[in-house]
Amino acid sequence: MFVTFSIDLPRDATASQLARQQVADRLVATLEPPVLADVMLAVSELVTNALLHGTGQIELHIEVDERSIRGEVVDAGRGLEQRIRDQGVEAPGLQIVGRVAQKWGVFQGTTHVWFEILLAGENPLVGEPPPGRLSES
């Protein structure tokens, strides 16, 4: 099983809803309902953060393989990693992502945030996801 897709989201109040709907439509036949719900929650939180704290175009990238579901949300903001460190506490949306994803992070100096949800039977401590942008299709 391998699914990959990318969508550009509007910078308005419909962005999170549109992202959730696209994820549901494209992955309902691929993922178990609890996993799909976790992916939709993580996507919704990251898109909402991009809408509230970022600038410019919002992009969503999703990749599913036999091992995991990886999502990325990218906007044109000036960086999130330093704010997280300076505040000493994660933003509420990132705390939610941290509860449903085994791994998540921010590419240094960007507002390019990713998460990974491992599928059943996978060890969340083995390996790190490769850096960079997901394939688009």
C-alpha atoms as a PDB file:
ATOM      1  CA  MET A   1       0.000   0.000   0.000  1.00  0.00           C
ATOM      2  CA  PHE A   2       1.370   3.406  -0.947  1.00  0.00           C
ATOM      3  CA  VAL A   3      -0.656   6.613  -1.124  1.00  0.00           C
ATOM      4  CA  THR A   4       0.702  10.107  -1.538  1.00  0.00           C
ATOM      5  CA  PHE A   5      -1.028  13.384  -2.195  1.00  0.00           C
ATOM      6  CA  SER A   6      -0.564  17.107  -1.730  1.00  0.00           C
ATOM      7  CA  ILE A   7      -3.092  19.913  -1.657  1.00  0.00           C
ATOM      8  CA  ASP A   8      -2.912  23.677  -1.467  1.00  0.00           C
ATOM      9  CA  LEU A   9      -5.263  25.060   1.144  1.00  0.00           C
ATOM     10  CA  PRO A  10      -6.904  28.472   1.260  1.00  0.00           C
ATOM     11  CA  ARG A  11      -5.766  30.907   3.935  1.00  0.00           C
ATOM     12  CA  ASP A  12      -9.232  31.197   5.438  1.00  0.00           C
ATOM     13  CA  ALA A  13     -11.531  29.573   7.979  1.00  0.00           C
ATOM     14  CA  THR A  14     -12.304  26.650   5.638  1.00  0.00           C
ATOM     15  CA  ALA A  15      -8.708  25.378   5.522  1.00  0.00           C
ATOM     16  CA  SER A  16      -8.877  22.845   8.378  1.00  0.00           C
ATOM     17  CA  GLN A  17     -12.254  21.504   7.299  1.00  0.00           C
ATOM     18  CA  LEU A  18     -11.069  21.123   3.703  1.00  0.00           C
ATOM     19  CA  ALA A  19      -7.895  19.352   4.866  1.00  0.00           C
ATOM     20  CA  ARG A  20      -9.864  16.913   7.050  1.00  0.00           C
ATOM     21  CA  GLN A  21     -12.300  16.189   4.227  1.00  0.00           C
ATOM     22  CA  GLN A  22      -9.522  15.524   1.705  1.00  0.00           C
ATOM     23  CA  VAL A  23      -7.749  13.188   4.151  1.00  0.00           C
ATOM     24  CA  ALA A  24     -11.000  11.344   4.885  1.00  0.00           C
ATOM     25  CA  ASP A  25     -11.963  11.025   1.213  1.00  0.00           C
ATOM     26  CA  ARG A  26      -8.550   9.778   0.125  1.00  0.00           C
ATOM     27  CA  LEU A  27      -7.711   7.480   3.042  1.00  0.00           C
ATOM     28  CA  VAL A  28     -11.038   6.025   4.224  1.00  0.00           C
ATOM     29  CA  ALA A  29     -10.464   2.822   2.231  1.00  0.00           C
ATOM     30  CA  THR A  30      -6.822   2.569   3.320  1.00  0.00           C
ATOM     31  CA  LEU A  31      -6.759   3.169   7.092  1.00  0.00           C
ATOM     32  CA  GLU A  32      -8.586   1.712  10.049  1.00  0.00           C
ATOM     33  CA  PRO A  33     -11.107   4.221  11.505  1.00  0.00           C
ATOM     34  CA  PRO A  34      -9.116   4.988  14.712  1.00  0.00           C
ATOM     35  CA  VAL A  35      -5.939   5.653  12.717  1.00  0.00           C
ATOM     36  CA  LEU A  36      -7.824   7.793  10.211  1.00  0.00           C
ATOM     37  CA  ALA A  37      -9.301   9.805  13.102  1.00  0.00           C
ATOM     38  CA  ASP A  38      -5.797  10.403  14.528  1.00  0.00           C
ATOM     39  CA  VAL A  39      -4.476  11.518  11.131  1.00  0.00           C
ATOM     40  CA  MET A  40      -7.413  13.869  10.655  1.00  0.00           C
ATOM     41  CA  LEU A  41      -6.884  15.355  14.129  1.00  0.00           C
ATOM     42  CA  ALA A  42      -3.148  15.904  13.560  1.00  0.00           C
ATOM     43  CA  VAL A  43      -3.785  17.474  10.146  1.00  0.00           C
ATOM     44  CA  SER A  44      -6.499  19.723  11.532  1.00  0.00           C
ATOM     45  CA  GLU A  45      -4.286  20.977  14.356  1.00  0.00           C
ATOM     46  CA  LEU A  46      -1.299  21.697  12.105  1.00  0.00           C
ATOM     47  CA  VAL A  47      -3.413  23.437   9.476  1.00  0.00           C
ATOM     48  CA  THR A  48      -5.092  25.537  12.177  1.00  0.00           C
ATOM     49  CA  ASN A  49      -1.663  26.508  13.549  1.00  0.00           C
ATOM     50  CA  ALA A  50      -0.509  27.473  10.046  1.00  0.00           C
ATOM     51  CA  LEU A  51      -3.636  29.563   9.587  1.00  0.00           C
ATOM     52  CA  LEU A  52      -3.312  31.306  12.952  1.00  0.00           C
ATOM     53  CA  HIS A  53       0.455  31.778  13.131  1.00  0.00           C
ATOM     54  CA  GLY A  54       1.829  31.527   9.587  1.00  0.00           C
ATOM     55  CA  THR A  55       1.684  33.491   6.397  1.00  0.00           C
ATOM     56  CA  GLY A  56       1.243  32.763   2.717  1.00  0.00           C
ATOM     57  CA  GLN A  57       0.099  29.574   1.037  1.00  0.00           C
ATOM     58  CA  ILE A  58      -0.660  26.532   3.222  1.00  0.00           C
ATOM     59  CA  GLU A  59       0.327  23.167   1.772  1.00  0.00           C
ATOM     60  CA  LEU A  60      -0.608  19.721   3.085  1.00  0.00           C
ATOM     61  CA  HIS A  61       1.404  16.645   2.104  1.00  0.00           C
ATOM     62  CA  ILE A  62       0.402  13.107   3.091  1.00  0.00           C
ATOM     63  CA  GLU A  63       2.275   9.871   2.494  1.00  0.00           C
ATOM     64  CA  VAL A  64       1.114   6.423   3.560  1.00  0.00           C
ATOM     65  CA  ASP A  65       3.136   3.240   3.230  1.00  0.00           C
ATOM     66  CA  GLU A  66       3.069  -0.171   4.911  1.00  0.00           C
ATOM     67  CA  ARG A  67       4.838   1.219   7.974  1.00  0.00           C
ATOM     68  CA  SER A  68       3.377   4.647   8.696  1.00  0.00           C
ATOM     69  CA  ILE A  69       1.409   7.711   7.783  1.00  0.00           C
ATOM     70  CA  ARG A  70       3.474  10.872   7.468  1.00  0.00           C
ATOM     71  CA  GLY A  71       1.934  14.309   7.151  1.00  0.00           C
ATOM     72  CA  GLU A  72       3.478  17.705   6.631  1.00  0.00           C
ATOM     73  CA  VAL A  73       2.004  21.184   6.726  1.00  0.00           C
ATOM     74  CA  VAL A  74       4.033  24.004   5.227  1.00  0.00           C
ATOM     75  CA  ASP A  75       3.406  27.727   5.116  1.00  0.00           C
ATOM     76  CA  ALA A  76       5.541  30.795   4.460  1.00  0.00           C
ATOM     77  CA  GLY A  77       5.973  31.792   8.111  1.00  0.00           C
ATOM     78  CA  ARG A  78       9.336  32.800   9.540  1.00  0.00           C
ATOM     79  CA  GLY A  79       9.946  29.881  11.860  1.00  0.00           C
ATOM     80  CA  LEU A  80       8.385  27.980  14.700  1.00  0.00           C
ATOM     81  CA  GLU A  81      11.213  26.046  16.302  1.00  0.00           C
ATOM     82  CA  GLN A  82      12.729  29.011  18.172  1.00  0.00           C
ATOM     83  CA  ARG A  83       9.338  30.104  19.534  1.00  0.00           C
ATOM     84  CA  ILE A  84       8.728  26.595  20.899  1.00  0.00           C
ATOM     85  CA  ARG A  85      12.145  26.627  22.601  1.00  0.00           C
ATOM     86  CA  ASP A  86      11.749  30.176  23.948  1.00  0.00           C
ATOM     87  CA  GLN A  87       8.308  29.513  25.384  1.00  0.00           C
ATOM     88  CA  GLY A  88       9.400  26.241  26.973  1.00  0.00           C
ATOM     89  CA  VAL A  89       5.943  24.833  26.310  1.00  0.00           C
ATOM     90  CA  GLU A  90       4.454  23.504  23.125  1.00  0.00           C
ATOM     91  CA  ALA A  91       1.475  25.244  21.618  1.00  0.00           C
ATOM     92  CA  PRO A  92      -1.787  23.445  22.493  1.00  0.00           C
ATOM     93  CA  GLY A  93      -2.193  22.181  18.912  1.00  0.00           C
ATOM     94  CA  LEU A  94       1.278  20.669  18.988  1.00  0.00           C
ATOM     95  CA  GLN A  95       0.506  18.972  22.295  1.00  0.00           C
ATOM     96  CA  ILE A  96      -2.471  17.313  20.620  1.00  0.00           C
ATOM     97  CA  VAL A  97      -0.317  16.219  17.677  1.00  0.00           C
ATOM     98  CA  GLY A  98       2.180  14.802  20.166  1.00  0.00           C
ATOM     99  CA  ARG A  99      -0.561  12.675  21.727  1.00  0.00           C
ATOM    100  CA  VAL A 100      -1.707  11.030  18.488  1.00  0.00           C
ATOM    101  CA  ALA A 101       1.616  10.813  16.612  1.00  0.00           C
ATOM    102  CA  GLN A 102       4.620   8.761  17.636  1.00  0.00           C
ATOM    103  CA  LYS A 103       6.935  11.355  16.108  1.00  0.00           C
ATOM    104  CA  TRP A 104       6.625  14.980  15.081  1.00  0.00           C
ATOM    105  CA  GLY A 105       8.935  17.896  14.471  1.00  0.00           C
ATOM    106  CA  VAL A 106       9.707  21.176  12.799  1.00  0.00           C
ATOM    107  CA  PHE A 107      12.316  21.662  10.109  1.00  0.00           C
ATOM    108  CA  GLN A 108      14.797  24.121  11.591  1.00  0.00           C
ATOM    109  CA  GLY A 109      14.011  27.782  10.990  1.00  0.00           C
ATOM    110  CA  THR A 110      10.733  27.081   9.184  1.00  0.00           C
ATOM    111  CA  THR A 111       7.034  26.602   9.720  1.00  0.00           C
ATOM    112  CA  HIS A 112       7.325  23.232   7.979  1.00  0.00           C
ATOM    113  CA  VAL A 113       5.867  20.872  10.599  1.00  0.00           C
ATOM    114  CA  TRP A 114       5.615  17.108  10.195  1.00  0.00           C
ATOM    115  CA  PHE A 115       4.139  14.160  12.068  1.00  0.00           C
ATOM    116  CA  GLU A 116       4.344  10.408  11.750  1.00  0.00           C
ATOM    117  CA  ILE A 117       1.786   7.895  12.956  1.00  0.00           C
ATOM    118  CA  LEU A 118       3.081   4.349  12.927  1.00  0.00           C
ATOM    119  CA  LEU A 119       0.824   1.509  11.902  1.00  0.00           C
ATOM    120  CA  ALA A 120       0.135  -1.431  14.215  1.00  0.00           C
ATOM    121  CA  GLY A 121       3.125  -3.585  15.045  1.00  0.00           C
ATOM    122  CA  GLU A 122       5.727  -0.935  14.277  1.00  0.00           C
ATOM    123  CA  ASN A 123       8.338   0.107  16.831  1.00  0.00           C
ATOM    124  CA  PRO A 124       8.164   3.900  17.220  1.00  0.00           C
ATOM    125  CA  LEU A 125      11.778   4.030  18.413  1.00  0.00           C
ATOM    126  CA  VAL A 126      13.369   2.567  15.286  1.00  0.00           C
ATOM    127  CA  GLY A 127      14.717   5.047  12.770  1.00  0.00           C
ATOM    128  CA  GLU A 128      13.880   8.641  12.025  1.00  0.00           C
ATOM    129  CA  PRO A 129      11.818   9.853   9.091  1.00  0.00           C
ATOM    130  CA  PRO A 130      13.845  11.332   6.286  1.00  0.00           C
ATOM    131  CA  PRO A 131      13.977  15.122   6.212  1.00  0.00           C
ATOM    132  CA  GLY A 132      12.523  17.088   3.360  1.00  0.00           C
ATOM    133  CA  ARG A 133       9.361  17.427   1.445  1.00  0.00           C
ATOM    134  CA  LEU A 134       7.177  14.481   0.582  1.00  0.00           C
ATOM    135  CA  SER A 135       6.641  13.381  -2.970  1.00  0.00           C
ATOM    136  CA  GLU A 136       3.750  15.078  -4.671  1.00  0.00           C
ATOM    137  CA  SER A 137       1.177  13.493  -6.887  1.00  0.00           C
END
